Amino acid sequence: MTMPVPRTENKGHCFWCLKAVKWIPVLFIVTIVIWSYYAYVVQLCLVTVESTLGQILYLFFFHVFFFMFCWCYAQTIFTEIGRVPNNFRVAETDYEAFIQSSNSLEMQNRILENCAKTLPVKNVTVGGSVRFCEKCRMVKPDRTHHCSVCGECVLKMDHHCPWINNCVCFTNYKFFVLFLGYALLYCIYICLTSLPYFIAFWKGDLQGMGRFHILFLFFVAIMFGVSLMSLFGYHCYLVLENRTTLEAFRPPSFRGVGADKYGFHLGRFKNFKQVFGDDPKSWFLPISTSLGDGIQYPMHTRLRPSVSYNAADNALNSMGDGVTFPQRHLDEDQEGLLHDHPWEEEEVWYP
């Protein structure tokens, strides 16, 4: 499926100034990382550590974590966001009809249903209608949301992160999780190896100006490590549940079913492979191995009879006007109390 070419419209000076300002958080992180490299390699290992064997071991493992951390961070920042293909764009005539029918929600829904009948979309709005972005003039694929910072719809959007100046989405979610994991390991390693010298500093046994670098290095690693621990743990949970941050706050709605937080749950191991791929050798490397195309996603088997978009099912499931679809309002089902071990269901792909 062909992806659209990013728009290259003429932008004013304010746009480029704002674009430059958005890189400040990234430059802050890069500055901290460069300083941490100097403080650890030069001030700790080369100046403070006296044992040659200790220097070699410290530097070897440090550079392994440092390299993986930087690789993942770069991949997370510079990977292009997942953009919606052009075949989801509403034709100009249909969009004009949509705008002219602003006083009739029923007519607008009918227009969108006609536009989406050949598209592989299963998610709907809370009201049961087709998900449509007026800013992009596109029918939204499943799990797609509009990012106000990026200014366009993003495939499987998780959130926009200012620390990477990019959206965390289908294309770079694996890189983002690995970045959090290796950043946490980087901080833990620095804390553990600098702890004896931090204690020596407070005992007065550490001399020279380099001791202040070691002191601040330890505190900065502790501070970032605590923050990363909670964030990394939360995203590990999301991976195993096959949800995004947005879906954790508001479960996706499916045609004829309504909101279902287990809609994309395939089983924890299969959920993990959706993000990290089938090959164990590449799971912990920041290379693209996520399954799927970002447009269609496998769903829980119990949703199969309820999300068909063909004309016969539309007529059966409609409220009489061919547009509005009922939802099943069962609190127990939405909370998963009727789902007996949803992780034991088999994986199903829908065309």
Protein backbone atom coordinates (compact mmCIF):
# COMPACT_ATOMS: atom_id res chain seq x y z
CA MET A 1 0.00 0.00 0.00
CA THR A 2 1.50 3.29 -1.11
CA MET A 3 2.16 5.85 1.58
CA PRO A 4 1.58 9.53 0.80
CA VAL A 5 4.46 11.91 0.26
CA PRO A 6 4.69 14.47 3.09
CA ARG A 7 3.27 17.84 2.12
CA THR A 8 5.85 20.53 1.41
CA GLU A 9 3.85 23.73 1.72
CA ASN A 10 5.48 27.14 2.02
CA LYS A 11 5.85 28.01 5.68
CA GLY A 12 6.43 31.36 7.32
CA HIS A 13 9.22 32.41 9.67
CA CYS A 14 7.08 31.73 12.76
CA PHE A 15 6.60 28.13 11.69
CA TRP A 16 10.33 27.50 11.40
CA CYS A 17 11.04 29.30 14.70
CA LEU A 18 8.47 27.12 16.45
CA LYS A 19 9.94 24.04 14.77
CA ALA A 20 13.39 24.97 16.10
CA VAL A 21 12.05 25.55 19.63
CA LYS A 22 10.60 22.01 19.66
CA TRP A 23 14.15 20.64 19.47
CA ILE A 24 15.13 22.26 22.80
CA PRO A 25 14.08 19.23 24.94
CA VAL A 26 16.04 16.92 22.62
CA LEU A 27 19.11 19.15 22.82
CA PHE A 28 18.79 19.16 26.60
CA ILE A 29 18.83 15.35 26.70
CA VAL A 30 21.75 15.19 24.25
CA THR A 31 23.70 17.67 26.39
CA ILE A 32 23.11 15.60 29.53
CA VAL A 33 24.19 12.42 27.72
CA ILE A 34 27.40 14.03 26.37
CA TRP A 35 28.27 15.35 29.82
CA SER A 36 27.55 11.95 31.39
CA TYR A 37 29.94 10.37 28.90
CA TYR A 38 32.69 12.81 29.86
CA ALA A 39 32.03 12.47 33.60
CA TYR A 40 32.03 8.66 33.50
CA VAL A 41 34.76 7.92 30.96
CA VAL A 42 37.22 10.68 31.80
CA GLN A 43 36.60 11.73 35.40
CA LEU A 44 35.57 8.36 36.83
CA CYS A 45 37.28 5.66 34.78
CA LEU A 46 40.45 7.34 33.52
CA VAL A 47 41.15 9.66 36.47
CA THR A 48 39.58 8.11 39.56
CA VAL A 49 39.60 4.33 39.03
CA GLU A 50 43.12 3.11 39.76
CA SER A 51 42.90 -0.53 38.68
CA THR A 52 43.61 -1.12 34.99
CA LEU A 53 41.36 -4.19 34.95
CA GLY A 54 38.61 -2.14 36.60
CA GLN A 55 38.99 0.58 33.98
CA ILE A 56 38.71 -1.94 31.14
CA LEU A 57 35.63 -3.65 32.57
CA TYR A 58 33.91 -0.38 33.47
CA LEU A 59 34.56 1.12 30.03
CA PHE A 60 33.55 -2.00 28.09
CA PHE A 61 30.11 -2.45 29.65
CA PHE A 62 29.53 1.31 29.77
CA HIS A 63 30.06 1.62 26.01
CA VAL A 64 27.73 -1.32 25.32
CA PHE A 65 24.87 0.38 27.21
CA PHE A 66 25.81 3.80 25.84
CA PHE A 67 25.83 2.59 22.23
CA MET A 68 22.48 0.79 22.51
CA PHE A 69 20.90 3.76 24.30
CA CYS A 70 22.07 6.23 21.62
CA TRP A 71 21.06 3.91 18.77
CA CYS A 72 17.53 3.47 20.14
CA TYR A 73 17.20 7.18 20.88
CA ALA A 74 18.24 8.15 17.35
CA GLN A 75 15.84 5.62 15.82
CA THR A 76 12.99 6.93 17.96
CA ILE A 77 13.67 10.52 16.96
CA PHE A 78 14.37 10.19 13.25
CA THR A 79 11.95 7.43 12.23
CA GLU A 80 9.15 8.92 10.13
CA ILE A 81 5.70 8.81 11.68
CA GLY A 82 3.15 6.41 10.22
CA ARG A 83 1.06 8.46 7.79
CA VAL A 84 -2.37 7.52 6.50
CA PRO A 85 -2.37 6.27 2.88
CA ASN A 86 -4.04 8.47 0.28
CA ASN A 87 -6.84 5.99 -0.42
CA PHE A 88 -8.32 6.97 2.96
CA ARG A 89 -8.66 10.57 1.81
CA VAL A 90 -12.25 11.61 1.11
CA ALA A 91 -12.84 12.74 -2.46
CA GLU A 92 -13.34 16.47 -2.97
CA THR A 93 -16.93 16.02 -4.12
CA ASP A 94 -17.77 13.88 -1.09
CA TYR A 95 -16.12 16.37 1.24
CA GLU A 96 -18.09 19.26 -0.26
CA ALA A 97 -21.29 17.25 0.20
CA PHE A 98 -20.23 16.52 3.78
CA ILE A 99 -19.73 20.24 4.50
CA GLN A 100 -23.01 21.20 2.86
CA SER A 101 -24.81 18.64 5.03
CA SER A 102 -23.56 20.20 8.27
CA ASN A 103 -27.15 20.56 9.51
CA SER A 104 -27.90 16.88 9.00
CA LEU A 105 -25.83 14.46 11.04
CA GLU A 106 -27.66 11.56 9.40
CA MET A 107 -26.65 12.72 5.92
CA GLN A 108 -23.04 13.24 6.99
CA ASN A 109 -22.92 9.74 8.45
CA ARG A 110 -24.34 8.33 5.23
CA ILE A 111 -21.66 10.09 3.18
CA LEU A 112 -18.89 8.77 5.44
CA GLU A 113 -20.33 5.26 5.37
CA ASN A 114 -20.25 5.34 1.59
CA CYS A 115 -16.62 6.52 1.61
CA ALA A 116 -15.56 3.84 4.11
CA LYS A 117 -17.39 0.85 2.65
CA THR A 118 -14.32 -0.32 0.72
CA LEU A 119 -11.81 0.56 3.45
CA PRO A 120 -10.56 -1.92 6.11
CA VAL A 121 -11.87 0.06 9.10
CA LYS A 122 -13.45 -1.67 12.10
CA ASN A 123 -13.22 1.03 14.77
CA VAL A 124 -16.04 3.54 15.08
CA THR A 125 -16.81 6.56 17.22
CA VAL A 126 -18.58 6.27 20.56
CA GLY A 127 -21.81 7.00 18.68
CA GLY A 128 -21.16 4.21 16.18
CA SER A 129 -20.31 6.31 13.13
CA VAL A 130 -17.23 6.30 10.89
CA ARG A 131 -14.17 7.97 12.42
CA PHE A 132 -13.32 10.98 10.26
CA CYS A 133 -10.70 13.73 10.58
CA GLU A 134 -11.95 17.04 9.18
CA LYS A 135 -8.49 18.60 9.37
CA CYS A 136 -6.88 15.90 7.20
CA ARG A 137 -10.12 15.15 5.31
CA MET A 138 -9.50 11.46 5.83
CA VAL A 139 -11.34 8.45 7.15
CA LYS A 140 -9.27 7.32 10.11
CA PRO A 141 -7.84 3.79 9.94
CA ASP A 142 -8.16 1.68 13.08
CA ARG A 143 -6.14 2.98 16.05
CA THR A 144 -5.26 6.18 14.16
CA HIS A 145 -5.53 9.61 15.80
CA HIS A 146 -4.83 13.18 14.76
CA CYS A 147 -1.76 14.74 16.38
CA SER A 148 -2.17 18.48 16.86
CA VAL A 149 1.62 18.93 17.19
CA CYS A 150 2.51 17.02 14.01
CA GLY A 151 -0.56 18.46 12.28
CA GLU A 152 -1.69 15.17 10.72
CA CYS A 153 -3.23 11.80 11.47
CA VAL A 154 -0.76 9.21 12.80
CA LEU A 155 -1.06 5.42 12.53
CA LYS A 156 -1.48 3.69 15.89
CA MET A 157 -0.65 6.88 17.72
CA ASP A 158 0.45 6.38 21.33
CA HIS A 159 1.34 9.97 22.26
CA HIS A 160 3.46 12.89 21.14
CA CYS A 161 6.69 13.03 23.14
CA PRO A 162 8.53 16.38 23.39
CA TRP A 163 11.71 14.59 24.55
CA ILE A 164 12.06 13.01 21.11
CA ASN A 165 10.23 15.76 19.17
CA ASN A 166 8.23 13.06 17.44
CA CYS A 167 5.06 11.03 17.74
CA VAL A 168 5.33 7.62 19.35
CA CYS A 169 3.33 5.49 16.93
CA PHE A 170 3.28 2.32 14.85
CA THR A 171 6.58 2.99 13.07
CA ASN A 172 8.76 3.72 16.12
CA TYR A 173 6.94 2.26 19.12
CA LYS A 174 9.41 -0.64 19.37
CA PHE A 175 12.30 1.82 19.27
CA PHE A 176 10.67 3.93 21.99
CA VAL A 177 10.21 0.98 24.36
CA LEU A 178 13.81 -0.15 23.74
CA PHE A 179 15.01 3.42 24.29
CA LEU A 180 13.31 3.48 27.70
CA GLY A 181 14.75 0.07 28.57
CA TYR A 182 18.33 0.82 27.58
CA ALA A 183 18.16 4.29 29.15
CA LEU A 184 17.10 2.64 32.40
CA LEU A 185 19.96 0.10 32.17
CA TYR A 186 22.36 2.96 31.42
CA CYS A 187 21.27 4.82 34.56
CA ILE A 188 21.35 1.70 36.75
CA TYR A 189 24.84 0.80 35.53
CA ILE A 190 26.16 4.30 36.26
CA CYS A 191 24.58 4.26 39.73
CA LEU A 192 26.03 0.88 40.69
CA THR A 193 29.54 1.51 39.40
CA SER A 194 29.82 5.06 40.75
CA LEU A 195 28.30 4.24 44.16
CA PRO A 196 31.64 3.29 45.87
CA TYR A 197 33.19 6.56 44.72
CA PHE A 198 30.11 8.51 45.76
CA ILE A 199 30.48 7.03 49.27
CA ALA A 200 34.20 7.85 49.23
CA PHE A 201 33.31 11.45 48.39
CA TRP A 202 31.14 11.81 51.50
CA LYS A 203 33.86 10.21 53.62
CA GLY A 204 36.35 12.76 52.32
CA ASP A 205 38.52 10.12 50.67
CA LEU A 206 37.98 11.44 47.14
CA GLN A 207 40.02 14.44 46.08
CA GLY A 208 40.26 16.65 43.00
CA MET A 209 37.71 18.58 40.96
CA GLY A 210 36.55 15.39 39.28
CA ARG A 211 34.78 14.33 42.47
CA PHE A 212 32.03 16.90 41.79
CA HIS A 213 31.40 15.37 38.37
CA ILE A 214 31.05 11.96 40.03
CA LEU A 215 28.72 13.40 42.67
CA PHE A 216 26.37 15.00 40.12
CA LEU A 217 26.63 11.99 37.82
CA PHE A 218 25.32 9.74 40.58
CA PHE A 219 22.44 12.07 41.46
CA VAL A 220 21.43 12.63 37.81
CA ALA A 221 21.47 8.87 37.13
CA ILE A 222 19.27 8.28 40.21
CA MET A 223 16.83 11.01 39.18
CA PHE A 224 16.43 9.83 35.59
CA GLY A 225 16.43 6.18 36.64
CA VAL A 226 13.46 6.60 38.96
CA SER A 227 11.46 8.39 36.25
CA LEU A 228 12.38 5.84 33.60
CA MET A 229 11.51 2.90 35.84
CA SER A 230 7.83 3.87 36.11
CA LEU A 231 7.54 4.90 32.45
CA PHE A 232 9.24 1.76 31.15
CA GLY A 233 7.11 -0.45 33.40
CA TYR A 234 3.92 1.22 32.16
CA HIS A 235 4.81 0.72 28.50
CA CYS A 236 5.77 -2.91 29.13
CA TYR A 237 2.25 -3.33 30.50
CA LEU A 238 0.77 -1.66 27.40
CA VAL A 239 2.78 -3.94 25.10
CA LEU A 240 1.55 -7.06 26.88
CA GLU A 241 -2.05 -5.79 26.76
CA ASN A 242 -1.76 -4.64 23.11
CA ARG A 243 -2.94 -1.11 23.89
CA THR A 244 -1.68 2.38 23.30
CA THR A 245 -1.65 5.14 25.89
CA LEU A 246 -4.70 6.70 24.24
CA GLU A 247 -6.54 3.35 24.26
CA ALA A 248 -5.71 2.89 27.94
CA PHE A 249 -7.61 6.11 28.70
CA ARG A 250 -10.45 5.42 26.25
CA PRO A 251 -10.99 1.86 24.97
CA PRO A 252 -11.54 1.58 21.20
CA SER A 253 -15.10 1.15 19.97
CA PHE A 254 -16.06 -1.52 17.46
CA ARG A 255 -19.04 -1.62 15.15
CA GLY A 256 -21.96 -3.46 16.69
CA VAL A 257 -20.03 -4.05 19.92
CA GLY A 258 -19.11 -0.71 21.45
CA ALA A 259 -16.10 0.01 23.62
CA ASP A 260 -13.95 -3.04 24.30
CA LYS A 261 -10.55 -2.72 25.92
CA TYR A 262 -9.75 -6.34 24.98
CA GLY A 263 -10.55 -5.80 21.31
CA PHE A 264 -6.94 -6.13 20.15
CA HIS A 265 -5.86 -8.60 22.85
CA LEU A 266 -4.33 -11.71 21.23
CA GLY A 267 -2.57 -13.20 24.25
CA ARG A 268 0.41 -11.66 25.97
CA PHE A 269 3.09 -13.40 23.93
CA LYS A 270 1.33 -12.64 20.65
CA ASN A 271 0.81 -9.06 21.82
CA PHE A 272 4.55 -8.82 22.46
CA LYS A 273 5.32 -10.14 18.97
CA GLN A 274 3.00 -7.56 17.41
CA VAL A 275 5.51 -4.90 18.51
CA PHE A 276 8.82 -6.79 18.52
CA GLY A 277 8.30 -9.27 15.67
CA ASP A 278 8.68 -13.03 15.26
CA ASP A 279 12.49 -13.30 15.28
CA PRO A 280 13.93 -13.44 18.83
CA LYS A 281 17.37 -12.39 17.52
CA SER A 282 16.02 -8.94 16.61
CA TRP A 283 13.73 -8.34 19.60
CA PHE A 284 16.22 -6.17 21.48
CA LEU A 285 17.75 -4.40 18.49
CA PRO A 286 16.28 -1.09 17.27
CA ILE A 287 15.46 -2.35 13.79
CA SER A 288 11.98 -2.40 12.31
CA THR A 289 10.37 -5.80 12.96
CA SER A 290 6.83 -4.91 14.10
CA LEU A 291 4.12 -7.03 12.48
CA GLY A 292 1.53 -5.57 10.14
CA ASP A 293 1.29 -2.46 8.02
CA GLY A 294 -0.15 -0.04 10.59
CA ILE A 295 -3.52 -0.05 8.80
CA GLN A 296 -5.09 -3.39 9.75
CA TYR A 297 -4.69 -5.19 13.07
CA PRO A 298 -5.65 -8.67 14.26
CA MET A 299 -8.55 -8.65 16.68
CA HIS A 300 -10.02 -10.89 19.32
CA THR A 301 -12.04 -13.74 17.76
CA ARG A 302 -15.26 -12.83 19.56
CA LEU A 303 -15.43 -9.56 17.56
CA ARG A 304 -15.41 -11.34 14.19
CA PRO A 305 -19.19 -11.55 13.61
CA SER A 306 -19.78 -7.99 14.84
CA VAL A 307 -17.50 -5.84 12.72
CA SER A 308 -18.31 -6.79 9.12
CA TYR A 309 -18.74 -3.83 6.79
CA ASN A 310 -20.49 -5.46 3.83
CA ALA A 311 -23.85 -4.20 2.71
CA ALA A 312 -25.85 -7.14 4.07
CA ASP A 313 -24.45 -6.69 7.56
CA ASN A 314 -25.02 -2.94 7.35
CA ALA A 315 -28.69 -3.49 6.68
CA LEU A 316 -29.03 -6.00 9.52
CA ASN A 317 -27.14 -3.96 12.09
CA SER A 318 -28.54 -0.54 11.30
CA MET A 319 -31.23 1.32 13.20
CA GLY A 320 -33.30 1.60 10.03
CA ASP A 321 -31.51 4.43 8.26
CA GLY A 322 -28.49 2.43 7.15
CA VAL A 323 -26.20 4.74 9.08
CA THR A 324 -26.50 4.47 12.85
CA PHE A 325 -25.40 1.26 14.50
CA PRO A 326 -26.48 0.06 17.95
CA GLN A 327 -23.99 -0.66 20.67
CA ARG A 328 -24.07 -3.40 23.25
CA HIS A 329 -24.13 -1.66 26.62
CA LEU A 330 -23.02 -4.40 28.97
CA ASP A 331 -20.86 -3.09 31.78
CA GLU A 332 -19.70 -6.58 32.59
CA ASP A 333 -18.58 -7.21 29.03
CA GLN A 334 -16.81 -3.87 28.72
CA GLU A 335 -14.88 -4.57 31.88
CA GLY A 336 -13.93 -8.01 30.63
CA LEU A 337 -15.86 -9.98 33.27
CA LEU A 338 -17.46 -12.12 30.57
CA HIS A 339 -14.16 -12.68 28.81
CA ASP A 340 -12.91 -16.05 29.98
CA HIS A 341 -9.14 -15.87 29.62
CA PRO A 342 -9.02 -13.56 26.56
CA TRP A 343 -5.33 -14.30 26.12
CA GLU A 344 -6.17 -17.89 25.22
CA GLU A 345 -8.06 -16.92 22.07
CA GLU A 346 -6.41 -17.55 18.73
CA GLU A 347 -5.14 -14.77 16.51
CA VAL A 348 -7.37 -13.72 13.62
CA TRP A 349 -6.49 -11.32 10.78
CA TYR A 350 -9.27 -9.58 8.95
CA PRO A 351 -8.99 -8.51 5.32
